[in-house]
Amino acid sequence: MCGIAALFSRQAGTLRQTQAMTRAIRHRGPDDEGFVCLGGETALVTGGGDTPAESMTDRFAYTPTQRWQDEVPTGTAAVLGHRRLSI
């Protein structure tokens, strides 16, 4: 079973709060994690600590290009997080 977390807020700390939410559901998907920061016309796709290094080099549009940062980009309205269980 995988897990999903989301937080809609423009306040500082949004990404850290979403990361805490995905850590709380790590048992649902310890094989991968990622985050998407959405706002206006931008979307930042990042990997997490459990994101395998080989998945950072895939050529899909949604492939994370970097590990998560401390804060979300300016203008972010929502942060989505996920956990993946590989079976």
PDB file of N, CA and C in Angstrom:
ATOM      1  N   MET A   1       0.848  -1.171   0.000  1.00  0.00           N
ATOM      2  CA  MET A   1       0.000   0.000   0.000  1.00  0.00           C
ATOM      3  C   MET A   1       0.891   1.231   0.000  1.00  0.00           C
ATOM      4  N   CYS A   2       0.609   2.165  -0.861  1.00  0.00           N
ATOM      5  CA  CYS A   2       1.356   3.421  -0.941  1.00  0.00           C
ATOM      6  C   CYS A   2       0.660   4.476  -0.092  1.00  0.00           C
ATOM      7  N   GLY A   3       1.256   5.635   0.023  1.00  0.00           N
ATOM      8  CA  GLY A   3       0.654   6.708   0.800  1.00  0.00           C
ATOM      9  C   GLY A   3       0.805   8.043   0.111  1.00  0.00           C
ATOM     10  N   ILE A   4      -0.156   8.929   0.368  1.00  0.00           N
ATOM     11  CA  ILE A   4      -0.164  10.270  -0.221  1.00  0.00           C
ATOM     12  C   ILE A   4      -0.427  11.285   0.888  1.00  0.00           C
ATOM     13  N   ALA A   5       0.244  12.424   0.810  1.00  0.00           N
ATOM     14  CA  ALA A   5       0.024  13.521   1.755  1.00  0.00           C
ATOM     15  C   ALA A   5      -0.045  14.815   0.964  1.00  0.00           C
ATOM     16  N   ALA A   6      -0.833  15.769   1.429  1.00  0.00           N
ATOM     17  CA  ALA A   6      -0.945  17.057   0.746  1.00  0.00           C
ATOM     18  C   ALA A   6      -1.183  18.155   1.769  1.00  0.00           C
ATOM     19  N   LEU A   7      -0.660  19.317   1.459  1.00  0.00           N
ATOM     20  CA  LEU A   7      -0.867  20.479   2.309  1.00  0.00           C
ATOM     21  C   LEU A   7      -1.035  21.698   1.408  1.00  0.00           C
ATOM     22  N   PHE A   8      -2.112  22.424   1.615  1.00  0.00           N
ATOM     23  CA  PHE A   8      -2.395  23.624   0.841  1.00  0.00           C
ATOM     24  C   PHE A   8      -2.175  24.836   1.748  1.00  0.00           C
ATOM     25  N   SER A   9      -1.100  25.579   1.489  1.00  0.00           N
ATOM     26  CA  SER A   9      -0.758  26.716   2.327  1.00  0.00           C
ATOM     27  C   SER A   9       0.332  27.532   1.644  1.00  0.00           C
ATOM     28  N   ARG A  10       0.352  28.822   1.894  1.00  0.00           N
ATOM     29  CA  ARG A  10       1.418  29.685   1.385  1.00  0.00           C
ATOM     30  C   ARG A  10       2.373  30.084   2.512  1.00  0.00           C
ATOM     31  N   GLN A  11       2.245  29.473   3.658  1.00  0.00           N
ATOM     32  CA  GLN A  11       3.081  29.821   4.798  1.00  0.00           C
ATOM     33  C   GLN A  11       4.420  29.111   4.742  1.00  0.00           C
ATOM     34  N   ALA A  12       5.404  29.701   5.378  1.00  0.00           N
ATOM     35  CA  ALA A  12       6.722  29.079   5.474  1.00  0.00           C
ATOM     36  C   ALA A  12       6.602  27.768   6.241  1.00  0.00           C
ATOM     37  N   GLY A  13       7.429  26.823   5.899  1.00  0.00           N
ATOM     38  CA  GLY A  13       7.421  25.537   6.582  1.00  0.00           C
ATOM     39  C   GLY A  13       6.509  24.505   5.954  1.00  0.00           C
ATOM     40  N   THR A  14       5.859  24.853   4.848  1.00  0.00           N
ATOM     41  CA  THR A  14       4.915  23.938   4.205  1.00  0.00           C
ATOM     42  C   THR A  14       5.590  22.639   3.784  1.00  0.00           C
ATOM     43  N   LEU A  15       6.764  22.724   3.190  1.00  0.00           N
ATOM     44  CA  LEU A  15       7.456  21.517   2.749  1.00  0.00           C
ATOM     45  C   LEU A  15       7.888  20.674   3.950  1.00  0.00           C
ATOM     46  N   ARG A  16       8.400  21.301   4.989  1.00  0.00           N
ATOM     47  CA  ARG A  16       8.795  20.552   6.183  1.00  0.00           C
ATOM     48  C   ARG A  16       7.610  19.823   6.803  1.00  0.00           C
ATOM     49  N   GLN A  17       6.457  20.466   6.824  1.00  0.00           N
ATOM     50  CA  GLN A  17       5.258  19.824   7.374  1.00  0.00           C
ATOM     51  C   GLN A  17       4.842  18.642   6.511  1.00  0.00           C
ATOM     52  N   THR A  18       4.920  18.782   5.204  1.00  0.00           N
ATOM     53  CA  THR A  18       4.572  17.676   4.304  1.00  0.00           C
ATOM     54  C   THR A  18       5.579  16.547   4.458  1.00  0.00           C
ATOM     55  N   GLN A  19       6.837  16.869   4.633  1.00  0.00           N
ATOM     56  CA  GLN A  19       7.858  15.843   4.862  1.00  0.00           C
ATOM     57  C   GLN A  19       7.565  15.079   6.152  1.00  0.00           C
ATOM     58  N   ALA A  20       7.146  15.777   7.182  1.00  0.00           N
ATOM     59  CA  ALA A  20       6.788  15.119   8.440  1.00  0.00           C
ATOM     60  C   ALA A  20       5.599  14.178   8.229  1.00  0.00           C
ATOM     61  N   MET A  21       4.654  14.590   7.400  1.00  0.00           N
ATOM     62  CA  MET A  21       3.502  13.744   7.105  1.00  0.00           C
ATOM     63  C   MET A  21       3.934  12.472   6.371  1.00  0.00           C
ATOM     64  N   THR A  22       4.848  12.597   5.415  1.00  0.00           N
ATOM     65  CA  THR A  22       5.283  11.401   4.686  1.00  0.00           C
ATOM     66  C   THR A  22       6.159  10.505   5.562  1.00  0.00           C
ATOM     67  N   ARG A  23       6.910  11.094   6.482  1.00  0.00           N
ATOM     68  CA  ARG A  23       7.681  10.268   7.425  1.00  0.00           C
ATOM     69  C   ARG A  23       6.737   9.460   8.313  1.00  0.00           C
ATOM     70  N   ALA A  24       5.610  10.056   8.687  1.00  0.00           N
ATOM     71  CA  ALA A  24       4.644   9.367   9.545  1.00  0.00           C
ATOM     72  C   ALA A  24       4.003   8.163   8.853  1.00  0.00           C
ATOM     73  N   ILE A  25       3.956   8.183   7.513  1.00  0.00           N
ATOM     74  CA  ILE A  25       3.361   7.053   6.784  1.00  0.00           C
ATOM     75  C   ILE A  25       4.418   6.242   6.042  1.00  0.00           C
ATOM     76  N   ARG A  26       5.678   6.335   6.492  1.00  0.00           N
ATOM     77  CA  ARG A  26       6.770   5.613   5.832  1.00  0.00           C
ATOM     78  C   ARG A  26       6.514   4.112   5.785  1.00  0.00           C
ATOM     79  N   HIS A  27       5.859   3.570   6.792  1.00  0.00           N
ATOM     80  CA  HIS A  27       5.563   2.139   6.813  1.00  0.00           C
ATOM     81  C   HIS A  27       4.675   1.719   5.638  1.00  0.00           C
ATOM     82  N   ARG A  28       3.981   2.659   5.028  1.00  0.00           N
ATOM     83  CA  ARG A  28       3.118   2.355   3.883  1.00  0.00           C
ATOM     84  C   ARG A  28       3.883   2.330   2.576  1.00  0.00           C
ATOM     85  N   GLY A  29       5.106   2.839   2.580  1.00  0.00           N
ATOM     86  CA  GLY A  29       5.896   2.866   1.354  1.00  0.00           C
ATOM     87  C   GLY A  29       7.323   3.278   1.609  1.00  0.00           C
ATOM     88  N   PRO A  30       8.169   2.355   2.059  1.00  0.00           N
ATOM     89  CA  PRO A  30       9.551   2.717   2.362  1.00  0.00           C
ATOM     90  C   PRO A  30      10.493   2.721   1.163  1.00  0.00           C
ATOM     91  N   ASP A  31       9.986   2.392  -0.027  1.00  0.00           N
ATOM     92  CA  ASP A  31      10.864   2.212  -1.185  1.00  0.00           C
ATOM     93  C   ASP A  31      11.125   3.485  -1.985  1.00  0.00           C
ATOM     94  N   ASP A  32      10.326   4.504  -1.805  1.00  0.00           N
ATOM     95  CA  ASP A  32      10.519   5.741  -2.555  1.00  0.00           C
ATOM     96  C   ASP A  32       9.667   6.818  -1.918  1.00  0.00           C
ATOM     97  N   GLU A  33      10.077   8.051  -2.095  1.00  0.00           N
ATOM     98  CA  GLU A  33       9.259   9.185  -1.684  1.00  0.00           C
ATOM     99  C   GLU A  33       9.563  10.352  -2.603  1.00  0.00           C
ATOM    100  N   GLY A  34       8.619  11.249  -2.714  1.00  0.00           N
ATOM    101  CA  GLY A  34       8.822  12.415  -3.546  1.00  0.00           C
ATOM    102  C   GLY A  34       7.848  13.505  -3.193  1.00  0.00           C
ATOM    103  N   PHE A  35       8.126  14.681  -3.706  1.00  0.00           N
ATOM    104  CA  PHE A  35       7.307  15.852  -3.408  1.00  0.00           C
ATOM    105  C   PHE A  35       7.116  16.672  -4.673  1.00  0.00           C
ATOM    106  N   VAL A  36       5.954  17.293  -4.803  1.00  0.00           N
ATOM    107  CA  VAL A  36       5.676  18.223  -5.890  1.00  0.00           C
ATOM    108  C   VAL A  36       5.178  19.516  -5.257  1.00  0.00           C
ATOM    109  N   CYS A  37       5.835  20.602  -5.570  1.00  0.00           N
ATOM    110  CA  CYS A  37       5.425  21.927  -5.104  1.00  0.00           C
ATOM    111  C   CYS A  37       4.699  22.605  -6.254  1.00  0.00           C
ATOM    112  N   LEU A  38       3.444  22.957  -6.041  1.00  0.00           N
ATOM    113  CA  LEU A  38       2.615  23.554  -7.091  1.00  0.00           C
ATOM    114  C   LEU A  38       2.281  24.993  -6.746  1.00  0.00           C
ATOM    115  N   GLY A  39       2.310  25.829  -7.759  1.00  0.00           N
ATOM    116  CA  GLY A  39       1.937  27.214  -7.553  1.00  0.00           C
ATOM    117  C   GLY A  39       1.931  27.968  -8.858  1.00  0.00           C
ATOM    118  N   GLY A  40       0.843  28.668  -9.103  1.00  0.00           N
ATOM    119  CA  GLY A  40       0.763  29.451 -10.329  1.00  0.00           C
ATOM    120  C   GLY A  40       1.049  28.607 -11.554  1.00  0.00           C
ATOM    121  N   GLU A  41       2.077  28.951 -12.283  1.00  0.00           N
ATOM    122  CA  GLU A  41       2.430  28.215 -13.494  1.00  0.00           C
ATOM    123  C   GLU A  41       3.643  27.322 -13.288  1.00  0.00           C
ATOM    124  N   THR A  42       4.073  27.150 -12.051  1.00  0.00           N
ATOM    125  CA  THR A  42       5.286  26.382 -11.800  1.00  0.00           C
ATOM    126  C   THR A  42       4.981  25.094 -11.045  1.00  0.00           C
ATOM    127  N   ALA A  43       5.833  24.109 -11.242  1.00  0.00           N
ATOM    128  CA  ALA A  43       5.779  22.855 -10.485  1.00  0.00           C
ATOM    129  C   ALA A  43       7.216  22.393 -10.294  1.00  0.00           C
ATOM    130  N   LEU A  44       7.586  22.160  -9.060  1.00  0.00           N
ATOM    131  CA  LEU A  44       8.914  21.659  -8.740  1.00  0.00           C
ATOM    132  C   LEU A  44       8.760  20.233  -8.247  1.00  0.00           C
ATOM    133  N   VAL A  45       9.375  19.287  -8.937  1.00  0.00           N
ATOM    134  CA  VAL A  45       9.321  17.877  -8.562  1.00  0.00           C
ATOM    135  C   VAL A  45      10.647  17.532  -7.901  1.00  0.00           C
ATOM    136  N   THR A  46      10.590  17.050  -6.665  1.00  0.00           N
ATOM    137  CA  THR A  46      11.802  16.707  -5.936  1.00  0.00           C
ATOM    138  C   THR A  46      11.713  15.300  -5.379  1.00  0.00           C
ATOM    139  N   GLY A  47      12.854  14.703  -5.180  1.00  0.00           N
ATOM    140  CA  GLY A  47      12.921  13.406  -4.525  1.00  0.00           C
ATOM    141  C   GLY A  47      13.135  13.594  -3.039  1.00  0.00           C
ATOM    142  N   GLY A  48      12.990  12.510  -2.309  1.00  0.00           N
ATOM    143  CA  GLY A  48      13.216  12.548  -0.870  1.00  0.00           C
ATOM    144  C   GLY A  48      14.390  11.676  -0.489  1.00  0.00           C
ATOM    145  N   GLY A  49      14.579  11.490   0.786  1.00  0.00           N
ATOM    146  CA  GLY A  49      15.679  10.692   1.273  1.00  0.00           C
ATOM    147  C   GLY A  49      15.612   9.236   0.860  1.00  0.00           C
ATOM    148  N   ASP A  50      14.419   8.709   0.637  1.00  0.00           N
ATOM    149  CA  ASP A  50      14.243   7.322   0.223  1.00  0.00           C
ATOM    150  C   ASP A  50      14.138   7.156  -1.292  1.00  0.00           C
ATOM    151  N   THR A  51      14.300   8.219  -2.047  1.00  0.00           N
ATOM    152  CA  THR A  51      14.243   8.135  -3.503  1.00  0.00           C
ATOM    153  C   THR A  51      15.511   7.453  -4.018  1.00  0.00           C
ATOM    154  N   PRO A  52      15.369   6.333  -4.754  1.00  0.00           N
ATOM    155  CA  PRO A  52      16.554   5.664  -5.292  1.00  0.00           C
ATOM    156  C   PRO A  52      17.304   6.566  -6.272  1.00  0.00           C
ATOM    157  N   ALA A  53      18.622   6.515  -6.219  1.00  0.00           N
ATOM    158  CA  ALA A  53      19.449   7.370  -7.082  1.00  0.00           C
ATOM    159  C   ALA A  53      19.175   7.114  -8.557  1.00  0.00           C
ATOM    160  N   GLU A  54      18.915   5.859  -8.938  1.00  0.00           N
ATOM    161  CA  GLU A  54      18.693   5.558 -10.355  1.00  0.00           C
ATOM    162  C   GLU A  54      17.404   6.181 -10.886  1.00  0.00           C
ATOM    163  N   SER A  55      16.432   6.432 -10.031  1.00  0.00           N
ATOM    164  CA  SER A  55      15.198   7.051 -10.523  1.00  0.00           C
ATOM    165  C   SER A  55      15.368   8.548 -10.766  1.00  0.00           C
ATOM    166  N   MET A  56      16.430   9.130 -10.261  1.00  0.00           N
ATOM    167  CA  MET A  56      16.687  10.559 -10.479  1.00  0.00           C
ATOM    168  C   MET A  56      17.235  10.812 -11.889  1.00  0.00           C
ATOM    169  N   THR A  57      17.570   9.762 -12.618  1.00  0.00           N
ATOM    170  CA  THR A  57      18.139   9.930 -13.958  1.00  0.00           C
ATOM    171  C   THR A  57      17.173   9.516 -15.063  1.00  0.00           C
ATOM    172  N   ASP A  58      15.940   9.118 -14.715  1.00  0.00           N
ATOM    173  CA  ASP A  58      14.949   8.767 -15.735  1.00  0.00           C
ATOM    174  C   ASP A  58      14.616   9.986 -16.580  1.00  0.00           C
ATOM    175  N   ARG A  59      14.026   9.762 -17.726  1.00  0.00           N
ATOM    176  CA  ARG A  59      13.725  10.874 -18.642  1.00  0.00           C
ATOM    177  C   ARG A  59      12.238  11.185 -18.737  1.00  0.00           C
ATOM    178  N   PHE A  60      11.487  10.856 -17.702  1.00  0.00           N
ATOM    179  CA  PHE A  60      10.064  11.162 -17.686  1.00  0.00           C
ATOM    180  C   PHE A  60       9.862  12.614 -17.243  1.00  0.00           C
ATOM    181  N   ALA A  61       8.755  13.204 -17.629  1.00  0.00           N
ATOM    182  CA  ALA A  61       8.487  14.605 -17.289  1.00  0.00           C
ATOM    183  C   ALA A  61       8.385  14.808 -15.778  1.00  0.00           C
ATOM    184  N   TYR A  62       7.968  13.786 -15.057  1.00  0.00           N
ATOM    185  CA  TYR A  62       7.770  13.915 -13.620  1.00  0.00           C
ATOM    186  C   TYR A  62       8.966  13.394 -12.808  1.00  0.00           C
ATOM    187  N   THR A  63      10.077  13.111 -13.458  1.00  0.00           N
ATOM    188  CA  THR A  63      11.260  12.622 -12.762  1.00  0.00           C
ATOM    189  C   THR A  63      11.837  13.722 -11.871  1.00  0.00           C
ATOM    190  N   PRO A  64      12.102  13.410 -10.592  1.00  0.00           N
ATOM    191  CA  PRO A  64      12.720  14.425  -9.741  1.00  0.00           C
ATOM    192  C   PRO A  64      14.139  14.721 -10.211  1.00  0.00           C
ATOM    193  N   THR A  65      14.482  15.975 -10.237  1.00  0.00           N
ATOM    194  CA  THR A  65      15.815  16.371 -10.692  1.00  0.00           C
ATOM    195  C   THR A  65      16.718  16.742  -9.528  1.00  0.00           C
ATOM    196  N   GLN A  66      16.157  16.809  -8.334  1.00  0.00           N
ATOM    197  CA  GLN A  66      16.946  17.171  -7.162  1.00  0.00           C
ATOM    198  C   GLN A  66      16.280  16.591  -5.920  1.00  0.00           C
ATOM    199  N   ARG A  67      17.004  16.572  -4.833  1.00  0.00           N
ATOM    200  CA  ARG A  67      16.451  16.177  -3.538  1.00  0.00           C
ATOM    201  C   ARG A  67      15.681  17.358  -2.967  1.00  0.00           C
ATOM    202  N   TRP A  68      14.786  17.084  -2.022  1.00  0.00           N
ATOM    203  CA  TRP A  68      13.975  18.152  -1.446  1.00  0.00           C
ATOM    204  C   TRP A  68      14.847  19.218  -0.811  1.00  0.00           C
ATOM    205  N   GLN A  69      14.288  20.390  -0.767  1.00  0.00           N
ATOM    206  CA  GLN A  69      14.974  21.551  -0.206  1.00  0.00           C
ATOM    207  C   GLN A  69      14.327  21.880   1.142  1.00  0.00           C
ATOM    208  N   ASP A  70      14.891  22.840   1.846  1.00  0.00           N
ATOM    209  CA  ASP A  70      14.327  23.229   3.136  1.00  0.00           C
ATOM    210  C   ASP A  70      13.007  23.973   3.000  1.00  0.00           C
ATOM    211  N   GLU A  71      12.860  24.734   1.970  1.00  0.00           N
ATOM    212  CA  GLU A  71      11.645  25.526   1.793  1.00  0.00           C
ATOM    213  C   GLU A  71      11.115  25.396   0.380  1.00  0.00           C
ATOM    214  N   VAL A  72       9.859  25.693   0.221  1.00  0.00           N
ATOM    215  CA  VAL A  72       9.229  25.643  -1.090  1.00  0.00           C
ATOM    216  C   VAL A  72       9.548  26.914  -1.858  1.00  0.00           C
ATOM    217  N   PRO A  73       9.474  26.861  -3.184  1.00  0.00           N
ATOM    218  CA  PRO A  73       9.708  28.077  -3.980  1.00  0.00           C
ATOM    219  C   PRO A  73       8.644  29.135  -3.713  1.00  0.00           C
ATOM    220  N   THR A  74       8.992  30.374  -3.930  1.00  0.00           N
ATOM    221  CA  THR A  74       8.052  31.483  -3.769  1.00  0.00           C
ATOM    222  C   THR A  74       6.840  31.255  -4.665  1.00  0.00           C
ATOM    223  N   GLY A  75       5.653  31.505  -4.153  1.00  0.00           N
ATOM    224  CA  GLY A  75       4.428  31.363  -4.923  1.00  0.00           C
ATOM    225  C   GLY A  75       3.802  29.988  -4.842  1.00  0.00           C
ATOM    226  N   THR A  76       4.384  29.073  -4.076  1.00  0.00           N
ATOM    227  CA  THR A  76       3.827  27.726  -3.950  1.00  0.00           C
ATOM    228  C   THR A  76       2.526  27.779  -3.164  1.00  0.00           C
ATOM    229  N   ALA A  77       1.496  27.128  -3.694  1.00  0.00           N
ATOM    230  CA  ALA A  77       0.197  27.096  -3.035  1.00  0.00           C
ATOM    231  C   ALA A  77      -0.105  25.731  -2.431  1.00  0.00           C
ATOM    232  N   ALA A  78       0.571  24.690  -2.912  1.00  0.00           N
ATOM    233  CA  ALA A  78       0.314  23.340  -2.412  1.00  0.00           C
ATOM    234  C   ALA A  78       1.575  22.499  -2.523  1.00  0.00           C
ATOM    235  N   VAL A  79       1.737  21.581  -1.585  1.00  0.00           N
ATOM    236  CA  VAL A  79       2.827  20.611  -1.642  1.00  0.00           C
ATOM    237  C   VAL A  79       2.201  19.228  -1.518  1.00  0.00           C
ATOM    238  N   LEU A  80       2.490  18.374  -2.478  1.00  0.00           N
ATOM    239  CA  LEU A  80       2.013  17.001  -2.451  1.00  0.00           C
ATOM    240  C   LEU A  80       3.201  16.091  -2.172  1.00  0.00           C
ATOM    241  N   GLY A  81       2.993  15.103  -1.334  1.00  0.00           N
ATOM    242  CA  GLY A  81       4.042  14.138  -1.030  1.00  0.00           C
ATOM    243  C   GLY A  81       3.529  12.733  -1.255  1.00  0.00           C
ATOM    244  N   HIS A  82       4.423  11.820  -1.558  1.00  0.00           N
ATOM    245  CA  HIS A  82       3.992  10.426  -1.741  1.00  0.00           C
ATOM    246  C   HIS A  82       5.034   9.474  -1.187  1.00  0.00           C
ATOM    247  N   ARG A  83       4.584   8.275  -0.867  1.00  0.00           N
ATOM    248  CA  ARG A  83       5.429   7.160  -0.475  1.00  0.00           C
ATOM    249  C   ARG A  83       5.075   6.001  -1.397  1.00  0.00           C
ATOM    250  N   ARG A  84       6.073   5.219  -1.807  1.00  0.00           N
ATOM    251  CA  ARG A  84       5.818   4.108  -2.721  1.00  0.00           C
ATOM    252  C   ARG A  84       6.326   2.814  -2.109  1.00  0.00           C
ATOM    253  N   LEU A  85       5.469   1.811  -2.193  1.00  0.00           N
ATOM    254  CA  LEU A  85       5.820   0.463  -1.757  1.00  0.00           C
ATOM    255  C   LEU A  85       6.052  -0.375  -3.001  1.00  0.00           C
ATOM    256  N   SER A  86       7.241  -0.917  -3.140  1.00  0.00           N
ATOM    257  CA  SER A  86       7.586  -1.740  -4.295  1.00  0.00           C
ATOM    258  C   SER A  86       7.249  -3.203  -3.987  1.00  0.00           C
ATOM    259  N   ILE A  87       6.376  -3.779  -4.800  1.00  0.00           N
ATOM    260  CA  ILE A  87       6.014  -5.191  -4.582  1.00  0.00           C
ATOM    261  C   ILE A  87       6.246  -6.001  -5.835  1.00  0.00           C
TER     262      ILE A  87
END
